[in-house]
Amino acid sequence: MTRNDILREMGLGPVWKLRATPPHAPAEEVAATAAVAAEPPVEFAPAVAPVTSPAVPAGAMDWDELAATVAACRRCRLGETRKQAVLGVGDRHADWLFVGEGPGAEEDERGEPFVGQAGKLLDNMLAAIGLRRGEDVYIANAVKCRPPENRTPASEEATACRPWLERQIELLQPKLIVALGRPAAQTLLQAEVKIAAARGRLHDYHGTPLIVTYHPAYLLRTLPDKARAWEDLCFMRRTMKALKGR
């Protein structure tokens, strides 16, 4: 397959079509074929102080309590500028959890993650591995409120929002987590992450396998890295098959 074939399937067609891949290809092969590429550096906004705490501990919340708490959250100043908090969307018994960075303008309007152009690309990515939004898939963000001007969430904002994401994962119990982009990966792994170094191998989130790949919005700006994202998709599919014992 030529590079143009891959890019046409991943970015120019209405849906990504998955080519056959070796069923037991090790992750090292994926990593070995990946060229080194890094996303733009994370920029941090000025520090903000949490101002409220939930009445019910996050670890004891059910889905309804979590949704209500996130909707009323003022733990950081993003709550002052958002239109609505965006908890997440999808199957609450899903094996797959995809975690992005934070809501954008369209997500802030509609209350659902990944509904703009990046969302369309994510839907194509899901289709490439036989998935559909809402069917065995849950989609969330590390930060539940839109940062002004769609800037990268500050570390303090991600910290304030982290209990909500952690509780979502506890409730979901996914088999595999996919971190879309550097901010999501750093929030989940609680460590500095470089996408080029983190791709192509399994990470651990409290016993749950985690894969790091590019954020769809980044791929829309950086066409050559769509080929690397394709490799990540193949790795995701192989990993899930192994987790399910198939």
Protein backbone atom coordinates (compact mmCIF):
# COMPACT_ATOMS: atom_id res chain seq x y z
CA MET A 1 0.00 0.00 0.00
CA THR A 2 1.40 3.40 -0.93
CA ARG A 3 1.33 6.41 1.35
CA ASN A 4 -1.25 8.07 -0.89
CA ASP A 5 -3.49 5.02 -0.57
CA ILE A 6 -3.29 5.24 3.22
CA LEU A 7 -4.01 8.98 3.30
CA ARG A 8 -6.92 8.60 0.92
CA GLU A 9 -8.45 5.93 3.14
CA MET A 10 -7.83 7.87 6.35
CA GLY A 11 -8.68 11.41 5.38
CA LEU A 12 -10.30 11.74 1.99
CA GLY A 13 -12.92 9.00 1.92
CA PRO A 14 -16.25 8.99 3.77
CA VAL A 15 -14.97 6.22 6.06
CA TRP A 16 -11.65 4.55 6.83
CA LYS A 17 -11.38 1.02 5.49
CA LEU A 18 -9.19 -1.27 7.52
CA ARG A 19 -6.65 -3.32 5.63
CA ALA A 20 -5.77 -6.80 6.80
CA THR A 21 -3.05 -6.79 9.44
CA PRO A 22 -1.14 -9.70 10.95
CA PRO A 23 -3.32 -10.98 13.81
CA HIS A 24 -0.45 -11.37 16.26
CA ALA A 25 1.95 -8.64 15.19
CA PRO A 26 3.79 -7.42 18.31
CA ALA A 27 3.53 -3.83 19.43
CA GLU A 28 7.29 -3.46 18.84
CA GLU A 29 6.72 -3.79 15.10
CA VAL A 30 4.28 -0.91 15.16
CA ALA A 31 6.70 1.23 17.14
CA ALA A 32 9.60 0.35 14.86
CA THR A 33 7.78 1.59 11.79
CA ALA A 34 6.66 4.85 13.35
CA ALA A 35 8.66 7.93 12.43
CA VAL A 36 9.41 10.31 15.26
CA ALA A 37 6.82 13.10 15.32
CA ALA A 38 5.74 15.36 18.15
CA GLU A 39 2.63 17.42 18.72
CA PRO A 40 2.83 21.15 19.45
CA PRO A 41 3.99 21.93 23.00
CA VAL A 42 1.43 22.26 25.75
CA GLU A 43 0.83 25.84 26.85
CA PHE A 44 -0.41 26.46 30.36
CA ALA A 45 -2.76 29.21 31.45
CA PRO A 46 -2.37 31.10 34.75
CA ALA A 47 -3.09 29.11 37.89
CA VAL A 48 -6.64 29.04 39.19
CA ALA A 49 -7.87 27.90 42.57
CA PRO A 50 -10.66 25.37 43.11
CA VAL A 51 -13.65 27.06 44.73
CA THR A 52 -16.12 24.28 45.49
CA SER A 53 -16.23 20.63 46.49
CA PRO A 54 -18.98 18.07 45.83
CA ALA A 55 -21.37 17.12 48.63
CA VAL A 56 -20.97 13.41 47.72
CA PRO A 57 -17.42 12.01 47.36
CA ALA A 58 -16.64 11.37 43.70
CA GLY A 59 -15.82 7.73 44.40
CA ALA A 60 -19.35 7.10 45.70
CA MET A 61 -21.29 8.74 42.86
CA ASP A 62 -23.49 6.87 40.42
CA TRP A 63 -23.94 8.13 36.87
CA ASP A 64 -26.82 10.48 37.72
CA GLU A 65 -25.00 11.99 40.68
CA LEU A 66 -21.85 12.40 38.64
CA ALA A 67 -23.71 14.12 35.79
CA ALA A 68 -25.47 16.50 38.18
CA THR A 69 -22.24 17.32 40.02
CA VAL A 70 -20.32 18.01 36.81
CA ALA A 71 -23.15 20.19 35.51
CA ALA A 72 -22.93 22.35 38.65
CA CYS A 73 -19.15 22.18 39.08
CA ARG A 74 -17.21 25.34 39.96
CA ARG A 75 -13.96 23.72 41.05
CA CYS A 76 -12.05 25.91 38.58
CA ARG A 77 -12.75 29.10 36.67
CA LEU A 78 -13.76 27.29 33.49
CA GLY A 79 -17.17 26.98 35.15
CA GLU A 80 -17.53 30.75 34.91
CA THR A 81 -17.14 30.94 31.11
CA ARG A 82 -18.63 27.70 29.79
CA LYS A 83 -22.17 27.39 28.45
CA GLN A 84 -22.51 23.84 29.74
CA ALA A 85 -20.33 21.08 31.08
CA VAL A 86 -19.72 18.12 28.77
CA LEU A 87 -19.56 14.89 30.76
CA GLY A 88 -19.31 12.39 27.91
CA VAL A 89 -21.43 10.28 25.60
CA GLY A 90 -21.86 6.65 24.67
CA ASP A 91 -22.39 3.15 25.96
CA ARG A 92 -21.99 3.07 29.75
CA HIS A 93 -20.98 -0.59 29.53
CA ALA A 94 -18.44 -0.04 26.76
CA ASP A 95 -15.19 -1.97 26.38
CA TRP A 96 -13.65 1.04 24.60
CA LEU A 97 -13.05 4.44 26.24
CA PHE A 98 -11.68 7.32 24.16
CA VAL A 99 -10.52 10.37 26.11
CA GLY A 100 -9.84 13.73 24.47
CA GLU A 101 -8.62 17.05 25.76
CA GLY A 102 -11.65 19.26 26.38
CA PRO A 103 -14.80 20.62 24.74
CA GLY A 104 -14.58 23.10 21.88
CA ALA A 105 -17.10 25.72 20.82
CA GLU A 106 -19.53 23.28 19.18
CA GLU A 107 -19.28 20.83 22.07
CA ASP A 108 -19.95 23.69 24.51
CA GLU A 109 -23.11 24.55 22.55
CA ARG A 110 -24.43 21.00 22.22
CA GLY A 111 -23.17 19.35 25.38
CA GLU A 112 -21.57 16.40 23.58
CA PRO A 113 -17.87 15.70 22.94
CA PHE A 114 -16.38 15.52 19.45
CA VAL A 115 -19.22 16.95 17.36
CA GLY A 116 -17.23 19.23 15.01
CA GLN A 117 -14.76 18.39 12.25
CA ALA A 118 -12.55 16.56 14.72
CA GLY A 119 -15.59 14.52 15.73
CA LYS A 120 -16.23 13.52 12.12
CA LEU A 121 -12.65 12.35 11.82
CA LEU A 122 -12.96 10.42 15.09
CA ASP A 123 -16.09 8.71 13.76
CA ASN A 124 -14.10 7.65 10.69
CA MET A 125 -11.34 6.35 12.94
CA LEU A 126 -13.88 4.31 14.89
CA ALA A 127 -15.36 2.92 11.69
CA ALA A 128 -11.90 1.81 10.58
CA ILE A 129 -11.79 -0.71 13.42
CA GLY A 130 -15.43 -1.75 13.19
CA LEU A 131 -16.80 0.60 15.87
CA ARG A 132 -19.59 3.15 16.01
CA ARG A 133 -20.18 6.01 18.40
CA GLY A 134 -22.47 4.81 21.18
CA GLU A 135 -22.02 1.08 20.47
CA ASP A 136 -19.45 -0.46 22.85
CA VAL A 137 -17.74 2.97 22.81
CA TYR A 138 -17.73 5.77 25.37
CA ILE A 139 -16.20 9.17 24.57
CA ALA A 140 -15.11 11.66 27.21
CA ASN A 141 -12.66 14.50 27.79
CA ALA A 142 -10.06 15.11 30.45
CA VAL A 143 -11.62 18.53 31.10
CA LYS A 144 -15.40 18.85 31.09
CA CYS A 145 -15.71 22.60 30.39
CA ARG A 146 -14.49 24.53 27.37
CA PRO A 147 -11.31 26.55 27.93
CA PRO A 148 -11.71 30.10 26.51
CA GLU A 149 -10.57 30.40 22.89
CA ASN A 150 -10.17 26.60 22.84
CA ARG A 151 -6.77 26.91 24.51
CA THR A 152 -5.03 23.92 26.07
CA PRO A 153 -6.39 23.28 29.58
CA ALA A 154 -4.14 24.48 32.39
CA SER A 155 -2.64 21.84 34.64
CA GLU A 156 -4.73 23.18 37.54
CA GLU A 157 -7.91 22.81 35.48
CA ALA A 158 -7.08 19.23 34.57
CA THR A 159 -6.34 18.49 38.22
CA ALA A 160 -9.66 20.00 39.33
CA CYS A 161 -11.54 17.90 36.78
CA ARG A 162 -9.59 14.67 37.27
CA PRO A 163 -11.93 13.19 39.94
CA TRP A 164 -14.82 13.25 37.44
CA LEU A 165 -12.80 11.40 34.80
CA GLU A 166 -11.57 8.89 37.36
CA ARG A 167 -15.12 8.18 38.48
CA GLN A 168 -16.26 7.74 34.88
CA ILE A 169 -13.57 5.11 34.38
CA GLU A 170 -14.53 3.37 37.63
CA LEU A 171 -18.16 3.22 36.52
CA LEU A 172 -17.36 2.14 32.96
CA GLN A 173 -14.70 -0.48 33.72
CA PRO A 174 -13.46 -0.40 30.10
CA LYS A 175 -11.16 -3.05 28.72
CA LEU A 176 -9.05 -0.48 26.84
CA ILE A 177 -8.51 3.28 27.18
CA VAL A 178 -7.33 5.39 24.24
CA ALA A 179 -5.81 8.76 25.10
CA LEU A 180 -6.31 11.19 22.22
CA GLY A 181 -3.48 13.69 22.39
CA ARG A 182 -0.88 14.80 24.87
CA PRO A 183 -3.08 16.61 27.45
CA ALA A 184 -5.37 13.59 27.81
CA ALA A 185 -2.41 11.22 28.07
CA GLN A 186 -0.74 13.35 30.73
CA THR A 187 -3.94 13.62 32.76
CA LEU A 188 -4.47 9.86 32.70
CA LEU A 189 -0.86 8.81 33.24
CA GLN A 190 0.06 11.66 35.60
CA ALA A 191 3.40 12.06 33.87
CA GLU A 192 5.04 14.11 31.15
CA VAL A 193 4.21 12.53 27.78
CA LYS A 194 5.70 12.91 24.33
CA ILE A 195 3.36 11.43 21.71
CA ALA A 196 6.19 10.16 19.49
CA ALA A 197 7.71 8.19 22.37
CA ALA A 198 4.40 7.03 23.87
CA ARG A 199 2.83 5.64 20.69
CA GLY A 200 2.96 1.99 19.69
CA ARG A 201 3.10 0.47 23.17
CA LEU A 202 0.78 -0.28 26.04
CA HIS A 203 0.63 1.90 29.12
CA ASP A 204 -1.16 1.19 32.38
CA TYR A 205 -3.97 3.10 34.03
CA HIS A 206 -4.58 1.42 37.40
CA GLY A 207 -4.56 -2.01 35.76
CA THR A 208 -6.37 -1.01 32.55
CA PRO A 209 -4.32 -1.02 29.31
CA LEU A 210 -3.98 2.42 27.75
CA ILE A 211 -2.88 3.41 24.24
CA VAL A 212 -1.70 6.91 23.29
CA THR A 213 -2.36 8.38 19.86
CA TYR A 214 -2.91 11.75 18.21
CA HIS A 215 -5.93 13.95 18.83
CA PRO A 216 -8.16 14.17 15.73
CA ALA A 217 -7.94 17.98 15.74
CA TYR A 218 -4.15 17.69 15.48
CA LEU A 219 -4.50 15.25 12.58
CA LEU A 220 -6.68 17.75 10.72
CA ARG A 221 -3.79 20.23 10.90
CA THR A 222 -0.98 17.72 10.27
CA LEU A 223 -1.82 15.47 7.34
CA PRO A 224 1.39 13.37 7.30
CA ASP A 225 0.72 12.05 10.81
CA LYS A 226 -2.53 10.44 9.69
CA ALA A 227 -0.43 7.54 8.41
CA ARG A 228 1.00 7.08 11.90
CA ALA A 229 -2.48 7.29 13.40
CA TRP A 230 -3.48 4.46 11.06
CA GLU A 231 -0.74 2.33 12.60
CA ASP A 232 -2.12 3.17 16.03
CA LEU A 233 -5.59 2.05 14.99
CA CYS A 234 -4.25 -1.31 13.86
CA PHE A 235 -2.45 -1.63 17.20
CA MET A 236 -5.68 -0.82 19.07
CA ARG A 237 -7.59 -3.49 17.20
CA ARG A 238 -4.94 -6.15 17.85
CA THR A 239 -4.81 -5.19 21.51
CA MET A 240 -8.57 -5.46 22.00
CA LYS A 241 -8.64 -8.84 20.27
CA ALA A 242 -5.98 -10.06 22.66
CA LEU A 243 -7.86 -8.66 25.66
CA LYS A 244 -11.00 -10.47 24.57
CA GLY A 245 -9.05 -13.66 23.93
CA ARG A 246 -9.79 -13.79 20.22
